[in-house]
Amino acid sequence: MEITGKIKLINETQTFGASGFRKRELVVTTNEQYPQMLLVEFVQDKCDLLNSYQVGQDVKVSINLRGREWINPEGVAKYFNAIQGWRIEAAQAEGSSEIPPMAPLDNLETISETDDNEPDDLPF
């Protein structure tokens, strides 16, 4: 899945426990009629993907939805969801095209006239 929007917040990397588990959070405001502020977490080596991005930048984030169950001390099940990012890239501005611009006309070679001695093999 992918979400697109503008970066609202990039938190610093947090490290947890003796194992050194790393997590870094990003908040993206979506470009919809009713914008949503979505918290996306990047974990372990994916934390470093956020180093080259800044608040206010338009991005496209590839995500996975994660869910887990936790049984509290009273024996009641609680459920938690997370949005986990695994790729991020700068979004292209709307209206931009991937077609390269055309060369100026003054750089084009002139088209030579056809030779009357050449056979005309066109069907019309």
PDB file of N, CA and C in Angstrom:
ATOM      1  N   MET A   1       0.841  -1.176   0.000  1.00  0.00           N
ATOM      2  CA  MET A   1       0.000   0.000   0.000  1.00  0.00           C
ATOM      3  C   MET A   1       0.886   1.239   0.000  1.00  0.00           C
ATOM      4  N   GLU A   2       0.306   2.339  -0.463  1.00  0.00           N
ATOM      5  CA  GLU A   2       1.056   3.593  -0.484  1.00  0.00           C
ATOM      6  C   GLU A   2       0.184   4.736   0.016  1.00  0.00           C
ATOM      7  N   ILE A   3       0.830   5.690   0.653  1.00  0.00           N
ATOM      8  CA  ILE A   3       0.164   6.930   1.020  1.00  0.00           C
ATOM      9  C   ILE A   3       1.007   8.079   0.479  1.00  0.00           C
ATOM     10  N   THR A   4       0.338   9.154   0.092  1.00  0.00           N
ATOM     11  CA  THR A   4       1.056  10.337  -0.374  1.00  0.00           C
ATOM     12  C   THR A   4       0.589  11.528   0.437  1.00  0.00           C
ATOM     13  N   GLY A   5       1.491  12.463   0.617  1.00  0.00           N
ATOM     14  CA  GLY A   5       1.150  13.662   1.361  1.00  0.00           C
ATOM     15  C   GLY A   5       2.385  14.470   1.683  1.00  0.00           C
ATOM     16  N   LYS A   6       2.214  15.401   2.609  1.00  0.00           N
ATOM     17  CA  LYS A   6       3.282  16.316   3.011  1.00  0.00           C
ATOM     18  C   LYS A   6       3.775  15.920   4.401  1.00  0.00           C
ATOM     19  N   ILE A   7       5.095  15.919   4.581  1.00  0.00           N
ATOM     20  CA  ILE A   7       5.677  15.584   5.883  1.00  0.00           C
ATOM     21  C   ILE A   7       5.339  16.681   6.884  1.00  0.00           C
ATOM     22  N   LYS A   8       4.719  16.303   7.985  1.00  0.00           N
ATOM     23  CA  LYS A   8       4.387  17.236   9.056  1.00  0.00           C
ATOM     24  C   LYS A   8       5.422  17.182  10.171  1.00  0.00           C
ATOM     25  N   LEU A   9       5.973  15.977  10.413  1.00  0.00           N
ATOM     26  CA  LEU A   9       6.895  15.787  11.543  1.00  0.00           C
ATOM     27  C   LEU A   9       7.791  14.596  11.274  1.00  0.00           C
ATOM     28  N   ILE A  10       9.063  14.728  11.632  1.00  0.00           N
ATOM     29  CA  ILE A  10      10.001  13.599  11.618  1.00  0.00           C
ATOM     30  C   ILE A  10      10.657  13.564  12.983  1.00  0.00           C
ATOM     31  N   ASN A  11      10.396  12.504  13.734  1.00  0.00           N
ATOM     32  CA  ASN A  11      11.005  12.361  15.066  1.00  0.00           C
ATOM     33  C   ASN A  11      12.414  11.785  14.954  1.00  0.00           C
ATOM     34  N   GLU A  12      13.165  11.945  16.037  1.00  0.00           N
ATOM     35  CA  GLU A  12      14.493  11.348  16.126  1.00  0.00           C
ATOM     36  C   GLU A  12      14.361   9.838  16.310  1.00  0.00           C
ATOM     37  N   THR A  13      15.405   9.105  15.994  1.00  0.00           N
ATOM     38  CA  THR A  13      15.420   7.654  16.178  1.00  0.00           C
ATOM     39  C   THR A  13      15.460   7.325  17.663  1.00  0.00           C
ATOM     40  N   GLN A  14      14.600   6.383  18.074  1.00  0.00           N
ATOM     41  CA  GLN A  14      14.568   5.912  19.458  1.00  0.00           C
ATOM     42  C   GLN A  14      15.135   4.494  19.490  1.00  0.00           C
ATOM     43  N   THR A  15      15.874   4.176  20.554  1.00  0.00           N
ATOM     44  CA  THR A  15      16.428   2.835  20.734  1.00  0.00           C
ATOM     45  C   THR A  15      15.855   2.240  22.005  1.00  0.00           C
ATOM     46  N   PHE A  16      15.439   0.962  21.930  1.00  0.00           N
ATOM     47  CA  PHE A  16      14.782   0.289  23.046  1.00  0.00           C
ATOM     48  C   PHE A  16      15.512  -0.996  23.414  1.00  0.00           C
ATOM     49  N   GLY A  17      15.599  -1.261  24.724  1.00  0.00           N
ATOM     50  CA  GLY A  17      16.070  -2.537  25.253  1.00  0.00           C
ATOM     51  C   GLY A  17      17.515  -2.870  24.951  1.00  0.00           C
ATOM     52  N   ALA A  18      17.915  -4.019  25.474  1.00  0.00           N
ATOM     53  CA  ALA A  18      19.289  -4.489  25.317  1.00  0.00           C
ATOM     54  C   ALA A  18      19.574  -4.926  23.883  1.00  0.00           C
ATOM     55  N   SER A  19      18.516  -5.272  23.157  1.00  0.00           N
ATOM     56  CA  SER A  19      18.697  -5.725  21.766  1.00  0.00           C
ATOM     57  C   SER A  19      18.989  -4.562  20.818  1.00  0.00           C
ATOM     58  N   GLY A  20      18.719  -3.345  21.262  1.00  0.00           N
ATOM     59  CA  GLY A  20      18.986  -2.175  20.428  1.00  0.00           C
ATOM     60  C   GLY A  20      17.939  -1.954  19.345  1.00  0.00           C
ATOM     61  N   PHE A  21      16.708  -2.386  19.593  1.00  0.00           N
ATOM     62  CA  PHE A  21      15.624  -2.172  18.626  1.00  0.00           C
ATOM     63  C   PHE A  21      15.466  -0.680  18.368  1.00  0.00           C
ATOM     64  N   ARG A  22      15.425  -0.299  17.076  1.00  0.00           N
ATOM     65  CA  ARG A  22      15.325   1.115  16.705  1.00  0.00           C
ATOM     66  C   ARG A  22      13.991   1.399  16.022  1.00  0.00           C
ATOM     67  N   LYS A  23      13.443   2.600  16.316  1.00  0.00           N
ATOM     68  CA  LYS A  23      12.189   3.036  15.721  1.00  0.00           C
ATOM     69  C   LYS A  23      12.258   4.539  15.496  1.00  0.00           C
ATOM     70  N   ARG A  24      11.715   4.979  14.349  1.00  0.00           N
ATOM     71  CA  ARG A  24      11.644   6.404  14.041  1.00  0.00           C
ATOM     72  C   ARG A  24      10.266   6.687  13.450  1.00  0.00           C
ATOM     73  N   GLU A  25       9.626   7.742  13.942  1.00  0.00           N
ATOM     74  CA  GLU A  25       8.266   8.039  13.526  1.00  0.00           C
ATOM     75  C   GLU A  25       8.206   9.246  12.586  1.00  0.00           C
ATOM     76  N   LEU A  26       7.284   9.158  11.660  1.00  0.00           N
ATOM     77  CA  LEU A  26       7.052  10.181  10.652  1.00  0.00           C
ATOM     78  C   LEU A  26       5.544  10.456  10.630  1.00  0.00           C
ATOM     79  N   VAL A  27       5.143  11.723  10.555  1.00  0.00           N
ATOM     80  CA  VAL A  27       3.730  12.067  10.410  1.00  0.00           C
ATOM     81  C   VAL A  27       3.554  12.670   9.022  1.00  0.00           C
ATOM     82  N   VAL A  28       2.623  12.080   8.249  1.00  0.00           N
ATOM     83  CA  VAL A  28       2.319  12.544   6.896  1.00  0.00           C
ATOM     84  C   VAL A  28       0.879  13.048   6.880  1.00  0.00           C
ATOM     85  N   THR A  29       0.682  14.267   6.362  1.00  0.00           N
ATOM     86  CA  THR A  29      -0.658  14.805   6.158  1.00  0.00           C
ATOM     87  C   THR A  29      -1.061  14.494   4.727  1.00  0.00           C
ATOM     88  N   THR A  30      -2.141  13.724   4.570  1.00  0.00           N
ATOM     89  CA  THR A  30      -2.561  13.275   3.246  1.00  0.00           C
ATOM     90  C   THR A  30      -3.163  14.412   2.431  1.00  0.00           C
ATOM     91  N   ASN A  31      -3.167  14.221   1.107  1.00  0.00           N
ATOM     92  CA  ASN A  31      -3.722  15.210   0.170  1.00  0.00           C
ATOM     93  C   ASN A  31      -5.119  14.761  -0.239  1.00  0.00           C
ATOM     94  N   GLU A  32      -6.073  14.890   0.652  1.00  0.00           N
ATOM     95  CA  GLU A  32      -7.442  14.465   0.383  1.00  0.00           C
ATOM     96  C   GLU A  32      -8.390  15.608   0.710  1.00  0.00           C
ATOM     97  N   GLN A  33      -9.661  15.416   0.397  1.00  0.00           N
ATOM     98  CA  GLN A  33     -10.656  16.422   0.745  1.00  0.00           C
ATOM     99  C   GLN A  33     -10.660  16.659   2.251  1.00  0.00           C
ATOM    100  N   TYR A  34     -10.552  15.582   3.010  1.00  0.00           N
ATOM    101  CA  TYR A  34     -10.448  15.655   4.468  1.00  0.00           C
ATOM    102  C   TYR A  34      -9.083  15.091   4.865  1.00  0.00           C
ATOM    103  N   PRO A  35      -8.037  15.931   4.889  1.00  0.00           N
ATOM    104  CA  PRO A  35      -6.674  15.451   5.153  1.00  0.00           C
ATOM    105  C   PRO A  35      -6.568  14.710   6.488  1.00  0.00           C
ATOM    106  N   GLN A  36      -5.789  13.646   6.464  1.00  0.00           N
ATOM    107  CA  GLN A  36      -5.534  12.839   7.652  1.00  0.00           C
ATOM    108  C   GLN A  36      -4.066  12.976   8.030  1.00  0.00           C
ATOM    109  N   MET A  37      -3.789  13.025   9.319  1.00  0.00           N
ATOM    110  CA  MET A  37      -2.418  13.042   9.803  1.00  0.00           C
ATOM    111  C   MET A  37      -2.091  11.628  10.271  1.00  0.00           C
ATOM    112  N   LEU A  38      -1.283  10.922   9.476  1.00  0.00           N
ATOM    113  CA  LEU A  38      -0.992   9.522   9.729  1.00  0.00           C
ATOM    114  C   LEU A  38       0.411   9.355  10.305  1.00  0.00           C
ATOM    115  N   LEU A  39       0.488   8.626  11.410  1.00  0.00           N
ATOM    116  CA  LEU A  39       1.768   8.314  12.034  1.00  0.00           C
ATOM    117  C   LEU A  39       2.300   7.029  11.401  1.00  0.00           C
ATOM    118  N   VAL A  40       3.465   7.117  10.778  1.00  0.00           N
ATOM    119  CA  VAL A  40       4.095   5.972  10.130  1.00  0.00           C
ATOM    120  C   VAL A  40       5.399   5.707  10.862  1.00  0.00           C
ATOM    121  N   GLU A  41       5.610   4.448  11.270  1.00  0.00           N
ATOM    122  CA  GLU A  41       6.865   4.128  11.960  1.00  0.00           C
ATOM    123  C   GLU A  41       7.785   3.343  11.041  1.00  0.00           C
ATOM    124  N   PHE A  42       9.049   3.719  11.098  1.00  0.00           N
ATOM    125  CA  PHE A  42      10.107   3.018  10.380  1.00  0.00           C
ATOM    126  C   PHE A  42      10.956   2.331  11.439  1.00  0.00           C
ATOM    127  N   VAL A  43      11.292   1.052  11.243  1.00  0.00           N
ATOM    128  CA  VAL A  43      12.023   0.305  12.269  1.00  0.00           C
ATOM    129  C   VAL A  43      13.350  -0.226  11.729  1.00  0.00           C
ATOM    130  N   GLN A  44      14.271  -0.442  12.670  1.00  0.00           N
ATOM    131  CA  GLN A  44      15.598  -1.017  12.421  1.00  0.00           C
ATOM    132  C   GLN A  44      16.333  -0.236  11.332  1.00  0.00           C
ATOM    133  N   ASP A  45      16.819  -0.906  10.291  1.00  0.00           N
ATOM    134  CA  ASP A  45      17.614  -0.229   9.267  1.00  0.00           C
ATOM    135  C   ASP A  45      16.800   0.745   8.421  1.00  0.00           C
ATOM    136  N   LYS A  46      15.482   0.666   8.447  1.00  0.00           N
ATOM    137  CA  LYS A  46      14.629   1.581   7.680  1.00  0.00           C
ATOM    138  C   LYS A  46      14.588   2.979   8.293  1.00  0.00           C
ATOM    139  N   CYS A  47      15.016   3.130   9.549  1.00  0.00           N
ATOM    140  CA  CYS A  47      15.049   4.453  10.204  1.00  0.00           C
ATOM    141  C   CYS A  47      15.906   5.433   9.407  1.00  0.00           C
ATOM    142  N   ASP A  48      16.991   4.938   8.837  1.00  0.00           N
ATOM    143  CA  ASP A  48      17.923   5.799   8.116  1.00  0.00           C
ATOM    144  C   ASP A  48      17.349   6.347   6.816  1.00  0.00           C
ATOM    145  N   LEU A  49      16.265   5.749   6.303  1.00  0.00           N
ATOM    146  CA  LEU A  49      15.645   6.244   5.077  1.00  0.00           C
ATOM    147  C   LEU A  49      15.134   7.672   5.233  1.00  0.00           C
ATOM    148  N   LEU A  50      14.829   8.079   6.457  1.00  0.00           N
ATOM    149  CA  LEU A  50      14.244   9.407   6.697  1.00  0.00           C
ATOM    150  C   LEU A  50      15.286  10.519   6.764  1.00  0.00           C
ATOM    151  N   ASN A  51      16.572  10.168   6.785  1.00  0.00           N
ATOM    152  CA  ASN A  51      17.627  11.171   6.959  1.00  0.00           C
ATOM    153  C   ASN A  51      17.632  12.252   5.882  1.00  0.00           C
ATOM    154  N   SER A  52      17.230  11.922   4.665  1.00  0.00           N
ATOM    155  CA  SER A  52      17.328  12.896   3.571  1.00  0.00           C
ATOM    156  C   SER A  52      16.012  13.623   3.296  1.00  0.00           C
ATOM    157  N   TYR A  53      15.055  13.554   4.226  1.00  0.00           N
ATOM    158  CA  TYR A  53      13.767  14.210   4.041  1.00  0.00           C
ATOM    159  C   TYR A  53      13.570  15.297   5.092  1.00  0.00           C
ATOM    160  N   GLN A  54      12.722  16.290   4.744  1.00  0.00           N
ATOM    161  CA  GLN A  54      12.503  17.432   5.627  1.00  0.00           C
ATOM    162  C   GLN A  54      11.007  17.699   5.781  1.00  0.00           C
ATOM    163  N   VAL A  55      10.660  18.354   6.870  1.00  0.00           N
ATOM    164  CA  VAL A  55       9.281  18.772   7.114  1.00  0.00           C
ATOM    165  C   VAL A  55       8.830  19.664   5.960  1.00  0.00           C
ATOM    166  N   GLY A  56       7.612  19.447   5.477  1.00  0.00           N
ATOM    167  CA  GLY A  56       7.057  20.230   4.378  1.00  0.00           C
ATOM    168  C   GLY A  56       7.240  19.607   3.017  1.00  0.00           C
ATOM    169  N   GLN A  57       8.037  18.554   2.929  1.00  0.00           N
ATOM    170  CA  GLN A  57       8.307  17.912   1.648  1.00  0.00           C
ATOM    171  C   GLN A  57       7.169  16.961   1.270  1.00  0.00           C
ATOM    172  N   ASP A  58       6.790  16.941  -0.017  1.00  0.00           N
ATOM    173  CA  ASP A  58       5.781  16.008  -0.513  1.00  0.00           C
ATOM    174  C   ASP A  58       6.441  14.662  -0.763  1.00  0.00           C
ATOM    175  N   VAL A  59       5.821  13.592  -0.239  1.00  0.00           N
ATOM    176  CA  VAL A  59       6.409  12.262  -0.334  1.00  0.00           C
ATOM    177  C   VAL A  59       5.352  11.211  -0.675  1.00  0.00           C
ATOM    178  N   LYS A  60       5.865  10.073  -1.137  1.00  0.00           N
ATOM    179  CA  LYS A  60       5.058   8.871  -1.317  1.00  0.00           C
ATOM    180  C   LYS A  60       5.706   7.804  -0.437  1.00  0.00           C
ATOM    181  N   VAL A  61       4.918   7.217   0.478  1.00  0.00           N
ATOM    182  CA  VAL A  61       5.446   6.250   1.444  1.00  0.00           C
ATOM    183  C   VAL A  61       4.792   4.893   1.193  1.00  0.00           C
ATOM    184  N   SER A  62       5.611   3.865   1.022  1.00  0.00           N
ATOM    185  CA  SER A  62       5.109   2.496   0.905  1.00  0.00           C
ATOM    186  C   SER A  62       4.986   1.935   2.309  1.00  0.00           C
ATOM    187  N   ILE A  63       3.806   1.365   2.617  1.00  0.00           N
ATOM    188  CA  ILE A  63       3.526   0.942   3.992  1.00  0.00           C
ATOM    189  C   ILE A  63       2.989  -0.483   4.052  1.00  0.00           C
ATOM    190  N   ASN A  64       3.076  -1.056   5.237  1.00  0.00           N
ATOM    191  CA  ASN A  64       2.391  -2.295   5.606  1.00  0.00           C
ATOM    192  C   ASN A  64       1.571  -1.990   6.845  1.00  0.00           C
ATOM    193  N   LEU A  65       0.378  -2.577   6.924  1.00  0.00           N
ATOM    194  CA  LEU A  65      -0.441  -2.463   8.127  1.00  0.00           C
ATOM    195  C   LEU A  65      -0.102  -3.629   9.034  1.00  0.00           C
ATOM    196  N   ARG A  66       0.142  -3.343  10.299  1.00  0.00           N
ATOM    197  CA  ARG A  66       0.491  -4.365  11.283  1.00  0.00           C
ATOM    198  C   ARG A  66      -0.531  -4.351  12.407  1.00  0.00           C
ATOM    199  N   GLY A  67      -0.867  -5.519  12.915  1.00  0.00           N
ATOM    200  CA  GLY A  67      -1.790  -5.629  14.035  1.00  0.00           C
ATOM    201  C   GLY A  67      -1.313  -6.714  14.989  1.00  0.00           C
ATOM    202  N   ARG A  68      -1.599  -6.524  16.266  1.00  0.00           N
ATOM    203  CA  ARG A  68      -1.199  -7.541  17.245  1.00  0.00           C
ATOM    204  C   ARG A  68      -2.186  -7.587  18.400  1.00  0.00           C
ATOM    205  N   GLU A  69      -2.154  -8.696  19.082  1.00  0.00           N
ATOM    206  CA  GLU A  69      -3.015  -8.907  20.234  1.00  0.00           C
ATOM    207  C   GLU A  69      -2.158  -8.917  21.498  1.00  0.00           C
ATOM    208  N   TRP A  70      -2.680  -8.334  22.580  1.00  0.00           N
ATOM    209  CA  TRP A  70      -2.009  -8.351  23.875  1.00  0.00           C
ATOM    210  C   TRP A  70      -3.047  -8.735  24.925  1.00  0.00           C
ATOM    211  N   ILE A  71      -2.698  -9.692  25.746  1.00  0.00           N
ATOM    212  CA  ILE A  71      -3.585 -10.114  26.830  1.00  0.00           C
ATOM    213  C   ILE A  71      -3.122  -9.414  28.097  1.00  0.00           C
ATOM    214  N   ASN A  72      -3.985  -8.573  28.681  1.00  0.00           N
ATOM    215  CA  ASN A  72      -3.595  -7.823  29.875  1.00  0.00           C
ATOM    216  C   ASN A  72      -3.625  -8.738  31.111  1.00  0.00           C
ATOM    217  N   PRO A  73      -3.130  -8.270  32.257  1.00  0.00           N
ATOM    218  CA  PRO A  73      -3.077  -9.113  33.467  1.00  0.00           C
ATOM    219  C   PRO A  73      -4.440  -9.664  33.916  1.00  0.00           C
ATOM    220  N   GLU A  74      -5.507  -8.984  33.538  1.00  0.00           N
ATOM    221  CA  GLU A  74      -6.846  -9.475  33.887  1.00  0.00           C
ATOM    222  C   GLU A  74      -7.348 -10.529  32.903  1.00  0.00           C
ATOM    223  N   GLY A  75      -6.560 -10.820  31.887  1.00  0.00           N
ATOM    224  CA  GLY A  75      -6.945 -11.820  30.903  1.00  0.00           C
ATOM    225  C   GLY A  75      -7.785 -11.289  29.755  1.00  0.00           C
ATOM    226  N   VAL A  76      -7.901  -9.971  29.638  1.00  0.00           N
ATOM    227  CA  VAL A  76      -8.693  -9.365  28.573  1.00  0.00           C
ATOM    228  C   VAL A  76      -7.785  -9.050  27.378  1.00  0.00           C
ATOM    229  N   ALA A  77      -8.249  -9.432  26.200  1.00  0.00           N
ATOM    230  CA  ALA A  77      -7.468  -9.189  24.988  1.00  0.00           C
ATOM    231  C   ALA A  77      -7.610  -7.735  24.542  1.00  0.00           C
ATOM    232  N   LYS A  78      -6.492  -7.132  24.204  1.00  0.00           N
ATOM    233  CA  LYS A  78      -6.451  -5.772  23.643  1.00  0.00           C
ATOM    234  C   LYS A  78      -5.764  -5.882  22.275  1.00  0.00           C
ATOM    235  N   TYR A  79      -6.185  -5.055  21.337  1.00  0.00           N
ATOM    236  CA  TYR A  79      -5.641  -5.104  19.984  1.00  0.00           C
ATOM    237  C   TYR A  79      -5.037  -3.760  19.606  1.00  0.00           C
ATOM    238  N   PHE A  80      -3.912  -3.820  18.914  1.00  0.00           N
ATOM    239  CA  PHE A  80      -3.181  -2.628  18.514  1.00  0.00           C
ATOM    240  C   PHE A  80      -2.866  -2.697  17.024  1.00  0.00           C
ATOM    241  N   ASN A  81      -2.932  -1.563  16.369  1.00  0.00           N
ATOM    242  CA  ASN A  81      -2.588  -1.451  14.955  1.00  0.00           C
ATOM    243  C   ASN A  81      -1.412  -0.500  14.799  1.00  0.00           C
ATOM    244  N   ALA A  82      -0.639  -0.703  13.741  1.00  0.00           N
ATOM    245  CA  ALA A  82       0.474   0.183  13.427  1.00  0.00           C
ATOM    246  C   ALA A  82       0.597   0.291  11.913  1.00  0.00           C
ATOM    247  N   ILE A  83       1.060   1.438  11.463  1.00  0.00           N
ATOM    248  CA  ILE A  83       1.392   1.647  10.055  1.00  0.00           C
ATOM    249  C   ILE A  83       2.912   1.661   9.984  1.00  0.00           C
ATOM    250  N   GLN A  84       3.474   0.695   9.269  1.00  0.00           N
ATOM    251  CA  GLN A  84       4.929   0.560   9.223  1.00  0.00           C
ATOM    252  C   GLN A  84       5.428   0.865   7.817  1.00  0.00           C
ATOM    253  N   GLY A  85       6.312   1.855   7.706  1.00  0.00           N
ATOM    254  CA  GLY A  85       6.877   2.244   6.418  1.00  0.00           C
ATOM    255  C   GLY A  85       8.082   1.403   6.070  1.00  0.00           C
ATOM    256  N   TRP A  86       8.244   1.124   4.787  1.00  0.00           N
ATOM    257  CA  TRP A  86       9.420   0.370   4.343  1.00  0.00           C
ATOM    258  C   TRP A  86      10.117   1.027   3.156  1.00  0.00           C
ATOM    259  N   ARG A  87       9.480   2.064   2.574  1.00  0.00           N
ATOM    260  CA  ARG A  87      10.129   2.829   1.509  1.00  0.00           C
ATOM    261  C   ARG A  87       9.515   4.219   1.489  1.00  0.00           C
ATOM    262  N   ILE A  88      10.331   5.224   1.137  1.00  0.00           N
ATOM    263  CA  ILE A  88       9.855   6.599   1.009  1.00  0.00           C
ATOM    264  C   ILE A  88      10.573   7.230  -0.167  1.00  0.00           C
ATOM    265  N   GLU A  89       9.825   8.026  -0.924  1.00  0.00           N
ATOM    266  CA  GLU A  89      10.429   8.741  -2.045  1.00  0.00           C
ATOM    267  C   GLU A  89       9.727  10.081  -2.212  1.00  0.00           C
ATOM    268  N   ALA A  90      10.446  11.022  -2.787  1.00  0.00           N
ATOM    269  CA  ALA A  90       9.877  12.342  -3.029  1.00  0.00           C
ATOM    270  C   ALA A  90       8.775  12.203  -4.061  1.00  0.00           C
ATOM    271  N   ALA A  91       7.637  12.836  -3.810  1.00  0.00           N
ATOM    272  CA  ALA A  91       6.514  12.780  -4.746  1.00  0.00           C
ATOM    273  C   ALA A  91       6.756  13.761  -5.871  1.00  0.00           C
ATOM    274  N   GLN A  92       6.344  13.381  -7.076  1.00  0.00           N
ATOM    275  CA  GLN A  92       6.458  14.296  -8.211  1.00  0.00           C
ATOM    276  C   GLN A  92       5.361  15.325  -8.102  1.00  0.00           C
ATOM    277  N   ALA A  93       5.675  16.532  -8.473  1.00  0.00           N
ATOM    278  CA  ALA A  93       4.677  17.597  -8.449  1.00  0.00           C
ATOM    279  C   ALA A  93       3.590  17.283  -9.464  1.00  0.00           C
ATOM    280  N   GLU A  94       2.348  17.601  -9.115  1.00  0.00           N
ATOM    281  CA  GLU A  94       1.245  17.354 -10.030  1.00  0.00           C
ATOM    282  C   GLU A  94       1.434  18.183 -11.283  1.00  0.00           C
ATOM    283  N   GLY A  95       1.096  17.584 -12.410  1.00  0.00           N
ATOM    284  CA  GLY A  95       1.230  18.291 -13.674  1.00  0.00           C
ATOM    285  C   GLY A  95       2.604  18.139 -14.293  1.00  0.00           C
ATOM    286  N   SER A  96       3.551  17.577 -13.575  1.00  0.00           N
ATOM    287  CA  SER A  96       4.862  17.379 -14.171  1.00  0.00           C
ATOM    288  C   SER A  96       4.798  16.156 -15.066  1.00  0.00           C
ATOM    289  N   SER A  97       5.577  16.150 -16.098  1.00  0.00           N
ATOM    290  CA  SER A  97       5.568  15.012 -16.999  1.00  0.00           C
ATOM    291  C   SER A  97       6.961  14.432 -17.076  1.00  0.00           C
ATOM    292  N   GLU A  98       7.005  13.177 -17.450  1.00  0.00           N
ATOM    293  CA  GLU A  98       8.295  12.515 -17.578  1.00  0.00           C
ATOM    294  C   GLU A  98       8.830  12.625 -18.997  1.00  0.00           C
ATOM    295  N   ILE A  99       8.101  13.310 -19.874  1.00  0.00           N
ATOM    296  CA  ILE A  99       8.541  13.473 -21.252  1.00  0.00           C
ATOM    297  C   ILE A  99       9.551  14.609 -21.301  1.00  0.00           C
ATOM    298  N   PRO A 100      10.741  14.365 -21.845  1.00  0.00           N
ATOM    299  CA  PRO A 100      11.743  15.435 -21.891  1.00  0.00           C
ATOM    300  C   PRO A 100      11.300  16.548 -22.831  1.00  0.00           C
ATOM    301  N   PRO A 101      11.763  17.767 -22.583  1.00  0.00           N
ATOM    302  CA  PRO A 101      11.378  18.878 -23.454  1.00  0.00           C
ATOM    303  C   PRO A 101      11.925  18.686 -24.857  1.00  0.00           C
ATOM    304  N   MET A 102      11.236  19.269 -25.837  1.00  0.00           N
ATOM    305  CA  MET A 102      11.661  19.154 -27.228  1.00  0.00           C
ATOM    306  C   MET A 102      12.833  20.097 -27.489  1.00  0.00           C
ATOM    307  N   ALA A 103      13.648  19.723 -28.459  1.00  0.00           N
ATOM    308  CA  ALA A 103      14.780  20.559 -28.850  1.00  0.00           C
ATOM    309  C   ALA A 103      14.258  21.782 -29.602  1.00  0.00           C
ATOM    310  N   PRO A 104      14.944  22.922 -29.497  1.00  0.00           N
ATOM    311  CA  PRO A 104      14.519  24.111 -30.234  1.00  0.00           C
ATOM    312  C   PRO A 104      14.562  23.849 -31.739  1.00  0.00           C
ATOM    313  N   LEU A 105      13.660  24.475 -32.466  1.00  0.00           N
ATOM    314  CA  LEU A 105      13.569  24.246 -33.903  1.00  0.00           C
ATOM    315  C   LEU A 105      14.809  24.699 -34.657  1.00  0.00           C
ATOM    316  N   ASP A 106      15.525  25.699 -34.155  1.00  0.00           N
ATOM    317  CA  ASP A 106      16.691  26.188 -34.877  1.00  0.00           C
ATOM    318  C   ASP A 106      17.855  25.194 -34.842  1.00  0.00           C
ATOM    319  N   ASN A 107      17.779  24.158 -34.018  1.00  0.00           N
ATOM    320  CA  ASN A 107      18.842  23.154 -33.959  1.00  0.00           C
ATOM    321  C   ASN A 107      18.564  21.967 -34.880  1.00  0.00           C
ATOM    322  N   LEU A 108      17.396  21.914 -35.490  1.00  0.00           N
ATOM    323  CA  LEU A 108      17.043  20.778 -36.332  1.00  0.00           C
ATOM    324  C   LEU A 108      17.652  20.954 -37.717  1.00  0.00           C
ATOM    325  N   GLU A 109      18.032  19.843 -38.320  1.00  0.00           N
ATOM    326  CA  GLU A 109      18.553  19.890 -39.679  1.00  0.00           C
ATOM    327  C   GLU A 109      17.374  20.068 -40.639  1.00  0.00           C
ATOM    328  N   THR A 110      17.630  20.712 -41.758  1.00  0.00           N
ATOM    329  CA  THR A 110      16.564  20.870 -42.736  1.00  0.00           C
ATOM    330  C   THR A 110      16.329  19.543 -43.431  1.00  0.00           C
ATOM    331  N   ILE A 111      15.099  19.301 -43.778  1.00  0.00           N
ATOM    332  CA  ILE A 111      14.735  18.057 -44.446  1.00  0.00           C
ATOM    333  C   ILE A 111      15.029  18.221 -45.925  1.00  0.00           C
ATOM    334  N   SER A 112      15.748  17.248 -46.475  1.00  0.00           N
ATOM    335  CA  SER A 112      16.091  17.348 -47.897  1.00  0.00           C
ATOM    336  C   SER A 112      14.871  17.025 -48.741  1.00  0.00           C
ATOM    337  N   GLU A 113      14.829  17.611 -49.907  1.00  0.00           N
ATOM    338  CA  GLU A 113      13.724  17.356 -50.810  1.00  0.00           C
ATOM    339  C   GLU A 113      13.869  15.952 -51.367  1.00  0.00           C
ATOM    340  N   THR A 114      12.762  15.367 -51.787  1.00  0.00           N
ATOM    341  CA  THR A 114      12.811  14.013 -52.341  1.00  0.00           C
ATOM    342  C   THR A 114      13.370  14.049 -53.742  1.00  0.00           C
ATOM    343  N   ASP A 115      14.041  12.983 -54.101  1.00  0.00           N
ATOM    344  CA  ASP A 115      14.625  12.851 -55.426  1.00  0.00           C
ATOM    345  C   ASP A 115      13.562  12.255 -56.347  1.00  0.00           C
ATOM    346  N   ASP A 116      13.353  12.865 -57.492  1.00  0.00           N
ATOM    347  CA  ASP A 116      12.342  12.371 -58.423  1.00  0.00           C
ATOM    348  C   ASP A 116      12.701  11.007 -58.986  1.00  0.00           C
ATOM    349  N   ASN A 117      13.971  10.612 -58.895  1.00  0.00           N
ATOM    350  CA  ASN A 117      14.403   9.320 -59.426  1.00  0.00           C
ATOM    351  C   ASN A 117      14.109   8.175 -58.470  1.00  0.00           C
ATOM    352  N   GLU A 118      13.751   8.478 -57.204  1.00  0.00           N
ATOM    353  CA  GLU A 118      13.451   7.429 -56.229  1.00  0.00           C
ATOM    354  C   GLU A 118      12.086   6.838 -56.542  1.00  0.00           C
ATOM    355  N   PRO A 119      11.963   5.505 -56.381  1.00  0.00           N
ATOM    356  CA  PRO A 119      10.661   4.899 -56.652  1.00  0.00           C
ATOM    357  C   PRO A 119       9.648   5.309 -55.584  1.00  0.00           C
ATOM    358  N   ASP A 120       8.439   5.522 -56.003  1.00  0.00           N
ATOM    359  CA  ASP A 120       7.361   5.886 -55.073  1.00  0.00           C
ATOM    360  C   ASP A 120       6.580   4.617 -54.774  1.00  0.00           C
ATOM    361  N   ASP A 121       6.877   3.998 -53.612  1.00  0.00           N
ATOM    362  CA  ASP A 121       6.223   2.726 -53.297  1.00  0.00           C
ATOM    363  C   ASP A 121       5.083   2.899 -52.316  1.00  0.00           C
ATOM    364  N   LEU A 122       4.588   4.106 -52.165  1.00  0.00           N
ATOM    365  CA  LEU A 122       3.434   4.336 -51.286  1.00  0.00           C
ATOM    366  C   LEU A 122       2.167   3.868 -51.995  1.00  0.00           C
ATOM    367  N   PRO A 123       1.260   3.222 -51.279  1.00  0.00           N
ATOM    368  CA  PRO A 123       0.058   2.674 -51.911  1.00  0.00           C
ATOM    369  C   PRO A 123      -0.994   3.715 -52.262  1.00  0.00           C
ATOM    370  N   PHE A 124      -0.779   4.981 -51.984  1.00  0.00           N
ATOM    371  CA  PHE A 124      -1.809   5.983 -52.288  1.00  0.00           C
ATOM    372  C   PHE A 124      -1.242   7.166 -52.989  1.00  0.00           C
TER     373      PHE A 124
END
